[in-house]
Amino acid sequence: MRLERLTYNKIKIFLTFDDLVDRGLTKDDLLSDSLKVHQLFRDMIEEASVELGFEADGPIAVEVYSLQAQGMVIIVTNSVGDLEDEEFMDEDYIEMQVTLDESKDIFYEFRTFEDVIQLSTRLNSLSIDGGKLYSYEDYFYLLLEDNLSFQTENIIAILAEFGTPATLTKYRVHEYGKILFKENAMKEIYNYFIKK
Protein backbone atom coordinates (compact mmCIF):
# COMPACT_ATOMS: atom_id res chain seq x y z
CA MET A 1 0.00 0.00 0.00
CA ARG A 2 1.36 3.42 -1.02
CA LEU A 3 0.09 6.71 0.34
CA GLU A 4 0.36 10.20 -1.13
CA ARG A 5 -1.09 13.50 0.05
CA LEU A 6 -2.79 15.39 -2.78
CA THR A 7 -4.16 18.40 -0.85
CA TYR A 8 -4.68 19.31 2.79
CA ASN A 9 -7.91 17.28 2.91
CA LYS A 10 -7.32 14.68 0.16
CA ILE A 11 -5.03 11.64 -0.06
CA LYS A 12 -4.39 8.94 -2.65
CA ILE A 13 -3.87 5.31 -1.68
CA PHE A 14 -2.58 2.73 -4.15
CA LEU A 15 -3.44 -0.87 -3.27
CA THR A 16 -2.21 -3.80 -5.33
CA PHE A 17 -4.37 -6.89 -5.61
CA ASP A 18 -1.69 -8.63 -3.51
CA ASP A 19 -2.41 -6.10 -0.73
CA LEU A 20 -6.07 -7.12 -0.88
CA VAL A 21 -5.24 -10.83 -0.85
CA ASP A 22 -2.95 -10.29 2.17
CA ARG A 23 -5.96 -8.84 3.98
CA GLY A 24 -8.24 -11.69 2.87
CA LEU A 25 -10.22 -9.55 0.40
CA THR A 26 -11.07 -9.66 -3.28
CA LYS A 27 -11.97 -6.83 -5.64
CA ASP A 28 -15.61 -7.93 -5.45
CA ASP A 29 -15.56 -7.65 -1.64
CA LEU A 30 -15.16 -3.88 -2.02
CA LEU A 31 -18.62 -3.76 -3.59
CA SER A 32 -20.15 -5.21 -0.44
CA ASP A 33 -20.66 -3.52 2.88
CA SER A 34 -18.83 -6.14 4.94
CA LEU A 35 -16.93 -5.89 8.20
CA LYS A 36 -13.66 -6.73 6.37
CA VAL A 37 -14.12 -3.76 4.03
CA HIS A 38 -14.79 -1.41 6.95
CA GLN A 39 -11.65 -2.72 8.67
CA LEU A 40 -9.61 -2.17 5.47
CA PHE A 41 -10.74 1.47 5.29
CA ARG A 42 -10.03 1.99 8.99
CA ASP A 43 -6.52 0.53 8.55
CA MET A 44 -5.89 2.81 5.55
CA ILE A 45 -7.10 5.90 7.42
CA GLU A 46 -4.97 5.01 10.48
CA GLU A 47 -1.88 4.51 8.32
CA ALA A 48 -2.58 7.81 6.50
CA SER A 49 -2.89 9.50 9.88
CA VAL A 50 0.49 8.17 11.02
CA GLU A 51 2.40 8.66 7.75
CA LEU A 52 0.81 11.82 6.35
CA GLY A 53 -0.90 13.46 9.30
CA PHE A 54 -4.26 13.04 7.56
CA GLU A 55 -7.11 13.23 10.05
CA ALA A 56 -10.52 11.91 8.97
CA ASP A 57 -13.23 13.32 11.19
CA GLY A 58 -16.88 13.18 10.19
CA PRO A 59 -17.91 12.42 6.62
CA ILE A 60 -15.31 11.31 4.07
CA ALA A 61 -15.72 10.66 0.36
CA VAL A 62 -13.98 7.55 -0.95
CA GLU A 63 -13.46 7.08 -4.70
CA VAL A 64 -12.16 3.66 -5.74
CA TYR A 65 -10.70 3.24 -9.23
CA SER A 66 -9.97 -0.34 -10.17
CA LEU A 67 -7.09 -0.66 -12.60
CA GLN A 68 -6.94 -3.68 -14.89
CA ALA A 69 -4.85 -6.38 -13.17
CA GLN A 70 -2.77 -3.74 -11.38
CA GLY A 71 -4.65 -2.77 -8.28
CA MET A 72 -6.76 0.07 -7.06
CA VAL A 73 -6.33 3.78 -6.63
CA ILE A 74 -8.38 5.09 -3.74
CA ILE A 75 -8.94 8.82 -3.31
CA VAL A 76 -10.07 9.79 0.18
CA THR A 77 -11.44 13.30 0.73
CA ASN A 78 -12.13 14.57 4.21
CA SER A 79 -15.33 16.56 3.72
CA VAL A 80 -15.74 19.49 6.02
CA GLY A 81 -19.16 18.92 7.61
CA ASP A 82 -21.53 21.54 8.93
CA LEU A 83 -19.99 22.57 12.25
CA GLU A 84 -23.42 23.26 13.71
CA ASP A 85 -24.49 19.69 13.08
CA GLU A 86 -23.98 17.91 16.42
CA GLU A 87 -23.88 14.44 14.88
CA PHE A 88 -20.52 15.21 13.22
CA MET A 89 -18.95 16.38 16.48
CA ASP A 90 -18.33 12.82 17.70
CA GLU A 91 -14.60 12.15 17.16
CA ASP A 92 -15.09 8.44 16.47
CA TYR A 93 -17.69 9.06 13.79
CA ILE A 94 -16.67 8.44 10.18
CA GLU A 95 -19.29 8.37 7.43
CA MET A 96 -18.11 7.06 4.07
CA GLN A 97 -19.58 7.81 0.69
CA VAL A 98 -17.99 5.28 -1.68
CA THR A 99 -17.82 5.66 -5.46
CA LEU A 100 -16.48 2.79 -7.59
CA ASP A 101 -15.11 3.00 -11.12
CA GLU A 102 -13.25 0.40 -13.17
CA SER A 103 -10.81 0.88 -15.99
CA LYS A 104 -9.82 -1.82 -18.46
CA ASP A 105 -6.73 0.16 -19.48
CA ILE A 106 -3.31 -1.26 -18.71
CA PHE A 107 -0.85 1.37 -17.51
CA TYR A 108 2.74 0.39 -16.63
CA GLU A 109 5.83 2.27 -15.49
CA PHE A 110 9.39 1.51 -16.65
CA ARG A 111 12.67 2.73 -15.15
CA THR A 112 14.66 2.77 -18.39
CA PHE A 113 13.96 3.06 -22.09
CA GLU A 114 15.95 -0.16 -22.55
CA ASP A 115 13.21 -1.99 -20.61
CA VAL A 116 10.64 -0.61 -23.07
CA ILE A 117 12.76 -1.75 -26.05
CA GLN A 118 13.04 -5.28 -24.63
CA LEU A 119 9.30 -5.30 -23.98
CA SER A 120 8.63 -4.35 -27.60
CA THR A 121 10.54 -7.45 -28.70
CA ARG A 122 8.38 -9.71 -26.54
CA LEU A 123 5.11 -8.06 -27.57
CA ASN A 124 6.08 -8.07 -31.26
CA SER A 125 6.36 -11.87 -31.15
CA LEU A 126 2.70 -11.88 -29.96
CA SER A 127 1.63 -9.41 -32.69
CA ILE A 128 0.87 -6.70 -30.15
CA ASP A 129 2.04 -3.41 -31.56
CA GLY A 130 -0.22 -0.74 -30.06
CA GLY A 131 0.07 1.53 -27.08
CA LYS A 132 1.01 5.08 -26.19
CA LEU A 133 4.37 5.83 -24.60
CA TYR A 134 5.02 8.78 -22.29
CA SER A 135 7.97 10.05 -20.32
CA TYR A 136 7.41 11.78 -17.00
CA GLU A 137 9.82 12.49 -14.14
CA ASP A 138 12.59 10.18 -15.42
CA TYR A 139 10.24 7.23 -15.98
CA PHE A 140 8.51 5.82 -19.05
CA TYR A 141 4.81 4.96 -19.07
CA LEU A 142 3.04 2.62 -21.46
CA LEU A 143 -0.73 2.86 -21.87
CA LEU A 144 -2.55 -0.01 -23.55
CA GLU A 145 -6.17 1.04 -24.10
CA ASP A 146 -9.13 -1.13 -23.08
CA ASN A 147 -10.20 -1.88 -26.65
CA LEU A 148 -7.34 -4.32 -27.22
CA SER A 149 -8.16 -7.89 -28.19
CA PHE A 150 -5.68 -10.10 -26.35
CA GLN A 151 -5.43 -12.14 -23.18
CA THR A 152 -4.99 -9.50 -20.50
CA GLU A 153 -3.45 -11.86 -17.93
CA ASN A 154 -0.72 -12.93 -20.36
CA ILE A 155 0.14 -9.34 -21.26
CA ILE A 156 0.24 -8.32 -17.59
CA ALA A 157 2.66 -11.17 -16.89
CA ILE A 158 4.97 -9.98 -19.68
CA LEU A 159 4.74 -6.32 -18.63
CA ALA A 160 5.59 -7.29 -15.04
CA GLU A 161 8.91 -8.73 -16.25
CA PHE A 162 10.06 -5.31 -17.43
CA GLY A 163 8.14 -2.79 -15.34
CA THR A 164 5.68 -2.21 -12.53
CA PRO A 165 2.04 -1.10 -12.42
CA ALA A 166 1.89 2.69 -12.54
CA THR A 167 0.67 4.31 -9.35
CA LEU A 168 0.09 7.60 -11.14
CA THR A 169 -3.08 8.04 -13.14
CA LYS A 170 -2.91 8.08 -16.91
CA TYR A 171 -4.53 11.53 -16.79
CA ARG A 172 -1.71 13.01 -14.74
CA VAL A 173 0.98 11.54 -16.99
CA HIS A 174 -0.91 12.69 -20.10
CA GLU A 175 -1.29 16.21 -18.69
CA TYR A 176 2.22 16.76 -17.31
CA GLY A 177 4.34 14.20 -19.14
CA LYS A 178 5.71 14.18 -22.66
CA ILE A 179 4.12 11.88 -25.21
CA LEU A 180 6.83 9.98 -27.09
CA PHE A 181 4.60 7.76 -29.24
CA LYS A 182 0.96 8.70 -29.72
CA GLU A 183 -0.02 5.34 -31.21
CA ASN A 184 1.52 1.97 -32.13
CA ALA A 185 4.35 2.56 -29.66
CA MET A 186 5.45 -1.07 -29.48
CA LYS A 187 5.56 -1.46 -33.28
CA GLU A 188 7.46 1.81 -33.79
CA ILE A 189 10.02 1.04 -31.07
CA TYR A 190 10.54 -2.48 -32.38
CA ASN A 191 10.98 -1.28 -35.97
CA TYR A 192 13.39 1.50 -35.02
CA PHE A 193 15.57 -0.24 -32.42
CA ILE A 194 15.35 -3.98 -33.12
CA LYS A 195 14.30 -4.71 -36.70
CA LYS A 196 16.64 -2.27 -38.49
C-alpha atoms as a PDB file:
ATOM      1  CA  MET A   1       0.000   0.000   0.000  1.00  0.00           C
ATOM      2  CA  ARG A   2       1.358   3.420  -1.019  1.00  0.00           C
ATOM      3  CA  LEU A   3       0.086   6.713   0.343  1.00  0.00           C
ATOM      4  CA  GLU A   4       0.362  10.202  -1.126  1.00  0.00           C
ATOM      5  CA  ARG A   5      -1.088  13.501   0.055  1.00  0.00           C
ATOM      6  CA  LEU A   6      -2.792  15.392  -2.775  1.00  0.00           C
ATOM      7  CA  THR A   7      -4.156  18.402  -0.846  1.00  0.00           C
ATOM      8  CA  TYR A   8      -4.677  19.314   2.794  1.00  0.00           C
ATOM      9  CA  ASN A   9      -7.912  17.282   2.906  1.00  0.00           C
ATOM     10  CA  LYS A  10      -7.319  14.679   0.158  1.00  0.00           C
ATOM     11  CA  ILE A  11      -5.035  11.637  -0.059  1.00  0.00           C
ATOM     12  CA  LYS A  12      -4.388   8.943  -2.645  1.00  0.00           C
ATOM     13  CA  ILE A  13      -3.871   5.307  -1.680  1.00  0.00           C
ATOM     14  CA  PHE A  14      -2.581   2.726  -4.147  1.00  0.00           C
ATOM     15  CA  LEU A  15      -3.438  -0.873  -3.266  1.00  0.00           C
ATOM     16  CA  THR A  16      -2.212  -3.798  -5.325  1.00  0.00           C
ATOM     17  CA  PHE A  17      -4.366  -6.885  -5.608  1.00  0.00           C
ATOM     18  CA  ASP A  18      -1.691  -8.634  -3.510  1.00  0.00           C
ATOM     19  CA  ASP A  19      -2.405  -6.103  -0.727  1.00  0.00           C
ATOM     20  CA  LEU A  20      -6.074  -7.120  -0.884  1.00  0.00           C
ATOM     21  CA  VAL A  21      -5.240 -10.834  -0.850  1.00  0.00           C
ATOM     22  CA  ASP A  22      -2.952 -10.290   2.167  1.00  0.00           C
ATOM     23  CA  ARG A  23      -5.956  -8.839   3.981  1.00  0.00           C
ATOM     24  CA  GLY A  24      -8.242 -11.689   2.872  1.00  0.00           C
ATOM     25  CA  LEU A  25     -10.222  -9.553   0.402  1.00  0.00           C
ATOM     26  CA  THR A  26     -11.067  -9.655  -3.278  1.00  0.00           C
ATOM     27  CA  LYS A  27     -11.974  -6.832  -5.637  1.00  0.00           C
ATOM     28  CA  ASP A  28     -15.612  -7.926  -5.449  1.00  0.00           C
ATOM     29  CA  ASP A  29     -15.560  -7.645  -1.637  1.00  0.00           C
ATOM     30  CA  LEU A  30     -15.165  -3.881  -2.018  1.00  0.00           C
ATOM     31  CA  LEU A  31     -18.622  -3.756  -3.585  1.00  0.00           C
ATOM     32  CA  SER A  32     -20.154  -5.211  -0.444  1.00  0.00           C
ATOM     33  CA  ASP A  33     -20.655  -3.517   2.883  1.00  0.00           C
ATOM     34  CA  SER A  34     -18.835  -6.141   4.942  1.00  0.00           C
ATOM     35  CA  LEU A  35     -16.933  -5.893   8.199  1.00  0.00           C
ATOM     36  CA  LYS A  36     -13.663  -6.726   6.371  1.00  0.00           C
ATOM     37  CA  VAL A  37     -14.120  -3.756   4.032  1.00  0.00           C
ATOM     38  CA  HIS A  38     -14.788  -1.411   6.949  1.00  0.00           C
ATOM     39  CA  GLN A  39     -11.650  -2.722   8.671  1.00  0.00           C
ATOM     40  CA  LEU A  40      -9.614  -2.173   5.474  1.00  0.00           C
ATOM     41  CA  PHE A  41     -10.739   1.466   5.294  1.00  0.00           C
ATOM     42  CA  ARG A  42     -10.032   1.987   8.992  1.00  0.00           C
ATOM     43  CA  ASP A  43      -6.525   0.532   8.553  1.00  0.00           C
ATOM     44  CA  MET A  44      -5.889   2.810   5.551  1.00  0.00           C
ATOM     45  CA  ILE A  45      -7.102   5.897   7.423  1.00  0.00           C
ATOM     46  CA  GLU A  46      -4.972   5.010  10.477  1.00  0.00           C
ATOM     47  CA  GLU A  47      -1.879   4.513   8.315  1.00  0.00           C
ATOM     48  CA  ALA A  48      -2.576   7.805   6.503  1.00  0.00           C
ATOM     49  CA  SER A  49      -2.892   9.498   9.877  1.00  0.00           C
ATOM     50  CA  VAL A  50       0.492   8.173  11.015  1.00  0.00           C
ATOM     51  CA  GLU A  51       2.402   8.655   7.747  1.00  0.00           C
ATOM     52  CA  LEU A  52       0.806  11.821   6.350  1.00  0.00           C
ATOM     53  CA  GLY A  53      -0.904  13.461   9.304  1.00  0.00           C
ATOM     54  CA  PHE A  54      -4.259  13.039   7.559  1.00  0.00           C
ATOM     55  CA  GLU A  55      -7.113  13.225  10.049  1.00  0.00           C
ATOM     56  CA  ALA A  56     -10.517  11.914   8.969  1.00  0.00           C
ATOM     57  CA  ASP A  57     -13.235  13.320  11.187  1.00  0.00           C
ATOM     58  CA  GLY A  58     -16.875  13.184  10.190  1.00  0.00           C
ATOM     59  CA  PRO A  59     -17.907  12.420   6.621  1.00  0.00           C
ATOM     60  CA  ILE A  60     -15.307  11.314   4.073  1.00  0.00           C
ATOM     61  CA  ALA A  61     -15.722  10.660   0.364  1.00  0.00           C
ATOM     62  CA  VAL A  62     -13.976   7.552  -0.949  1.00  0.00           C
ATOM     63  CA  GLU A  63     -13.458   7.082  -4.697  1.00  0.00           C
ATOM     64  CA  VAL A  64     -12.164   3.657  -5.740  1.00  0.00           C
ATOM     65  CA  TYR A  65     -10.703   3.238  -9.231  1.00  0.00           C
ATOM     66  CA  SER A  66      -9.974  -0.344 -10.168  1.00  0.00           C
ATOM     67  CA  LEU A  67      -7.087  -0.656 -12.603  1.00  0.00           C
ATOM     68  CA  GLN A  68      -6.944  -3.680 -14.889  1.00  0.00           C
ATOM     69  CA  ALA A  69      -4.853  -6.377 -13.170  1.00  0.00           C
ATOM     70  CA  GLN A  70      -2.766  -3.742 -11.380  1.00  0.00           C
ATOM     71  CA  GLY A  71      -4.646  -2.773  -8.276  1.00  0.00           C
ATOM     72  CA  MET A  72      -6.760   0.072  -7.064  1.00  0.00           C
ATOM     73  CA  VAL A  73      -6.329   3.778  -6.628  1.00  0.00           C
ATOM     74  CA  ILE A  74      -8.383   5.091  -3.740  1.00  0.00           C
ATOM     75  CA  ILE A  75      -8.937   8.822  -3.314  1.00  0.00           C
ATOM     76  CA  VAL A  76     -10.069   9.793   0.176  1.00  0.00           C
ATOM     77  CA  THR A  77     -11.440  13.302   0.735  1.00  0.00           C
ATOM     78  CA  ASN A  78     -12.130  14.571   4.214  1.00  0.00           C
ATOM     79  CA  SER A  79     -15.335  16.560   3.719  1.00  0.00           C
ATOM     80  CA  VAL A  80     -15.744  19.489   6.021  1.00  0.00           C
ATOM     81  CA  GLY A  81     -19.158  18.921   7.609  1.00  0.00           C
ATOM     82  CA  ASP A  82     -21.534  21.537   8.931  1.00  0.00           C
ATOM     83  CA  LEU A  83     -19.987  22.571  12.252  1.00  0.00           C
ATOM     84  CA  GLU A  84     -23.418  23.260  13.713  1.00  0.00           C
ATOM     85  CA  ASP A  85     -24.491  19.687  13.084  1.00  0.00           C
ATOM     86  CA  GLU A  86     -23.977  17.910  16.424  1.00  0.00           C
ATOM     87  CA  GLU A  87     -23.881  14.441  14.878  1.00  0.00           C
ATOM     88  CA  PHE A  88     -20.518  15.209  13.220  1.00  0.00           C
ATOM     89  CA  MET A  89     -18.949  16.383  16.481  1.00  0.00           C
ATOM     90  CA  ASP A  90     -18.327  12.820  17.698  1.00  0.00           C
ATOM     91  CA  GLU A  91     -14.602  12.147  17.159  1.00  0.00           C
ATOM     92  CA  ASP A  92     -15.087   8.443  16.474  1.00  0.00           C
ATOM     93  CA  TYR A  93     -17.685   9.057  13.787  1.00  0.00           C
ATOM     94  CA  ILE A  94     -16.671   8.439  10.184  1.00  0.00           C
ATOM     95  CA  GLU A  95     -19.289   8.369   7.431  1.00  0.00           C
ATOM     96  CA  MET A  96     -18.110   7.058   4.068  1.00  0.00           C
ATOM     97  CA  GLN A  97     -19.582   7.809   0.693  1.00  0.00           C
ATOM     98  CA  VAL A  98     -17.993   5.280  -1.679  1.00  0.00           C
ATOM     99  CA  THR A  99     -17.816   5.657  -5.464  1.00  0.00           C
ATOM    100  CA  LEU A 100     -16.481   2.786  -7.594  1.00  0.00           C
ATOM    101  CA  ASP A 101     -15.107   3.004 -11.122  1.00  0.00           C
ATOM    102  CA  GLU A 102     -13.253   0.399 -13.173  1.00  0.00           C
ATOM    103  CA  SER A 103     -10.812   0.883 -15.995  1.00  0.00           C
ATOM    104  CA  LYS A 104      -9.825  -1.819 -18.457  1.00  0.00           C
ATOM    105  CA  ASP A 105      -6.731   0.159 -19.481  1.00  0.00           C
ATOM    106  CA  ILE A 106      -3.308  -1.260 -18.706  1.00  0.00           C
ATOM    107  CA  PHE A 107      -0.848   1.375 -17.508  1.00  0.00           C
ATOM    108  CA  TYR A 108       2.736   0.389 -16.632  1.00  0.00           C
ATOM    109  CA  GLU A 109       5.829   2.269 -15.494  1.00  0.00           C
ATOM    110  CA  PHE A 110       9.386   1.509 -16.651  1.00  0.00           C
ATOM    111  CA  ARG A 111      12.670   2.728 -15.152  1.00  0.00           C
ATOM    112  CA  THR A 112      14.658   2.769 -18.393  1.00  0.00           C
ATOM    113  CA  PHE A 113      13.962   3.059 -22.087  1.00  0.00           C
ATOM    114  CA  GLU A 114      15.946  -0.163 -22.551  1.00  0.00           C
ATOM    115  CA  ASP A 115      13.209  -1.986 -20.611  1.00  0.00           C
ATOM    116  CA  VAL A 116      10.643  -0.610 -23.070  1.00  0.00           C
ATOM    117  CA  ILE A 117      12.759  -1.745 -26.050  1.00  0.00           C
ATOM    118  CA  GLN A 118      13.042  -5.277 -24.632  1.00  0.00           C
ATOM    119  CA  LEU A 119       9.298  -5.296 -23.977  1.00  0.00           C
ATOM    120  CA  SER A 120       8.627  -4.345 -27.603  1.00  0.00           C
ATOM    121  CA  THR A 121      10.540  -7.451 -28.698  1.00  0.00           C
ATOM    122  CA  ARG A 122       8.377  -9.712 -26.540  1.00  0.00           C
ATOM    123  CA  LEU A 123       5.112  -8.056 -27.570  1.00  0.00           C
ATOM    124  CA  ASN A 124       6.083  -8.068 -31.259  1.00  0.00           C
ATOM    125  CA  SER A 125       6.355 -11.867 -31.153  1.00  0.00           C
ATOM    126  CA  LEU A 126       2.698 -11.882 -29.962  1.00  0.00           C
ATOM    127  CA  SER A 127       1.633  -9.414 -32.691  1.00  0.00           C
ATOM    128  CA  ILE A 128       0.869  -6.700 -30.153  1.00  0.00           C
ATOM    129  CA  ASP A 129       2.036  -3.410 -31.561  1.00  0.00           C
ATOM    130  CA  GLY A 130      -0.221  -0.743 -30.060  1.00  0.00           C
ATOM    131  CA  GLY A 131       0.065   1.532 -27.083  1.00  0.00           C
ATOM    132  CA  LYS A 132       1.008   5.079 -26.186  1.00  0.00           C
ATOM    133  CA  LEU A 133       4.368   5.829 -24.598  1.00  0.00           C
ATOM    134  CA  TYR A 134       5.017   8.785 -22.291  1.00  0.00           C
ATOM    135  CA  SER A 135       7.974  10.051 -20.324  1.00  0.00           C
ATOM    136  CA  TYR A 136       7.415  11.777 -16.999  1.00  0.00           C
ATOM    137  CA  GLU A 137       9.822  12.494 -14.139  1.00  0.00           C
ATOM    138  CA  ASP A 138      12.587  10.177 -15.424  1.00  0.00           C
ATOM    139  CA  TYR A 139      10.236   7.225 -15.979  1.00  0.00           C
ATOM    140  CA  PHE A 140       8.513   5.822 -19.049  1.00  0.00           C
ATOM    141  CA  TYR A 141       4.809   4.959 -19.068  1.00  0.00           C
ATOM    142  CA  LEU A 142       3.037   2.616 -21.460  1.00  0.00           C
ATOM    143  CA  LEU A 143      -0.731   2.860 -21.866  1.00  0.00           C
ATOM    144  CA  LEU A 144      -2.551  -0.007 -23.547  1.00  0.00           C
ATOM    145  CA  GLU A 145      -6.167   1.043 -24.095  1.00  0.00           C
ATOM    146  CA  ASP A 146      -9.125  -1.127 -23.083  1.00  0.00           C
ATOM    147  CA  ASN A 147     -10.199  -1.885 -26.651  1.00  0.00           C
ATOM    148  CA  LEU A 148      -7.340  -4.315 -27.220  1.00  0.00           C
ATOM    149  CA  SER A 149      -8.159  -7.887 -28.194  1.00  0.00           C
ATOM    150  CA  PHE A 150      -5.679 -10.100 -26.346  1.00  0.00           C
ATOM    151  CA  GLN A 151      -5.435 -12.142 -23.177  1.00  0.00           C
ATOM    152  CA  THR A 152      -4.989  -9.504 -20.498  1.00  0.00           C
ATOM    153  CA  GLU A 153      -3.452 -11.863 -17.933  1.00  0.00           C
ATOM    154  CA  ASN A 154      -0.721 -12.926 -20.364  1.00  0.00           C
ATOM    155  CA  ILE A 155       0.140  -9.337 -21.259  1.00  0.00           C
ATOM    156  CA  ILE A 156       0.241  -8.318 -17.594  1.00  0.00           C
ATOM    157  CA  ALA A 157       2.658 -11.169 -16.887  1.00  0.00           C
ATOM    158  CA  ILE A 158       4.973  -9.978 -19.677  1.00  0.00           C
ATOM    159  CA  LEU A 159       4.737  -6.322 -18.631  1.00  0.00           C
ATOM    160  CA  ALA A 160       5.592  -7.290 -15.043  1.00  0.00           C
ATOM    161  CA  GLU A 161       8.915  -8.730 -16.254  1.00  0.00           C
ATOM    162  CA  PHE A 162      10.061  -5.307 -17.431  1.00  0.00           C
ATOM    163  CA  GLY A 163       8.138  -2.787 -15.335  1.00  0.00           C
ATOM    164  CA  THR A 164       5.677  -2.212 -12.527  1.00  0.00           C
ATOM    165  CA  PRO A 165       2.037  -1.098 -12.421  1.00  0.00           C
ATOM    166  CA  ALA A 166       1.888   2.689 -12.543  1.00  0.00           C
ATOM    167  CA  THR A 167       0.670   4.310  -9.348  1.00  0.00           C
ATOM    168  CA  LEU A 168       0.085   7.599 -11.136  1.00  0.00           C
ATOM    169  CA  THR A 169      -3.075   8.037 -13.138  1.00  0.00           C
ATOM    170  CA  LYS A 170      -2.911   8.080 -16.912  1.00  0.00           C
ATOM    171  CA  TYR A 171      -4.534  11.530 -16.795  1.00  0.00           C
ATOM    172  CA  ARG A 172      -1.708  13.012 -14.744  1.00  0.00           C
ATOM    173  CA  VAL A 173       0.976  11.544 -16.994  1.00  0.00           C
ATOM    174  CA  HIS A 174      -0.910  12.690 -20.104  1.00  0.00           C
ATOM    175  CA  GLU A 175      -1.292  16.206 -18.688  1.00  0.00           C
ATOM    176  CA  TYR A 176       2.219  16.755 -17.306  1.00  0.00           C
ATOM    177  CA  GLY A 177       4.339  14.199 -19.136  1.00  0.00           C
ATOM    178  CA  LYS A 178       5.714  14.183 -22.662  1.00  0.00           C
ATOM    179  CA  ILE A 179       4.123  11.881 -25.210  1.00  0.00           C
ATOM    180  CA  LEU A 180       6.826   9.981 -27.094  1.00  0.00           C
ATOM    181  CA  PHE A 181       4.597   7.760 -29.242  1.00  0.00           C
ATOM    182  CA  LYS A 182       0.962   8.701 -29.724  1.00  0.00           C
ATOM    183  CA  GLU A 183      -0.016   5.335 -31.206  1.00  0.00           C
ATOM    184  CA  ASN A 184       1.521   1.975 -32.134  1.00  0.00           C
ATOM    185  CA  ALA A 185       4.352   2.560 -29.663  1.00  0.00           C
ATOM    186  CA  MET A 186       5.452  -1.073 -29.484  1.00  0.00           C
ATOM    187  CA  LYS A 187       5.563  -1.460 -33.276  1.00  0.00           C
ATOM    188  CA  GLU A 188       7.463   1.813 -33.785  1.00  0.00           C
ATOM    189  CA  ILE A 189      10.016   1.043 -31.070  1.00  0.00           C
ATOM    190  CA  TYR A 190      10.542  -2.479 -32.384  1.00  0.00           C
ATOM    191  CA  ASN A 191      10.979  -1.278 -35.970  1.00  0.00           C
ATOM    192  CA  TYR A 192      13.388   1.501 -35.024  1.00  0.00           C
ATOM    193  CA  PHE A 193      15.575  -0.236 -32.421  1.00  0.00           C
ATOM    194  CA  ILE A 194      15.346  -3.978 -33.124  1.00  0.00           C
ATOM    195  CA  LYS A 195      14.302  -4.712 -36.703  1.00  0.00           C
ATOM    196  CA  LYS A 196      16.645  -2.273 -38.489  1.00  0.00           C
END
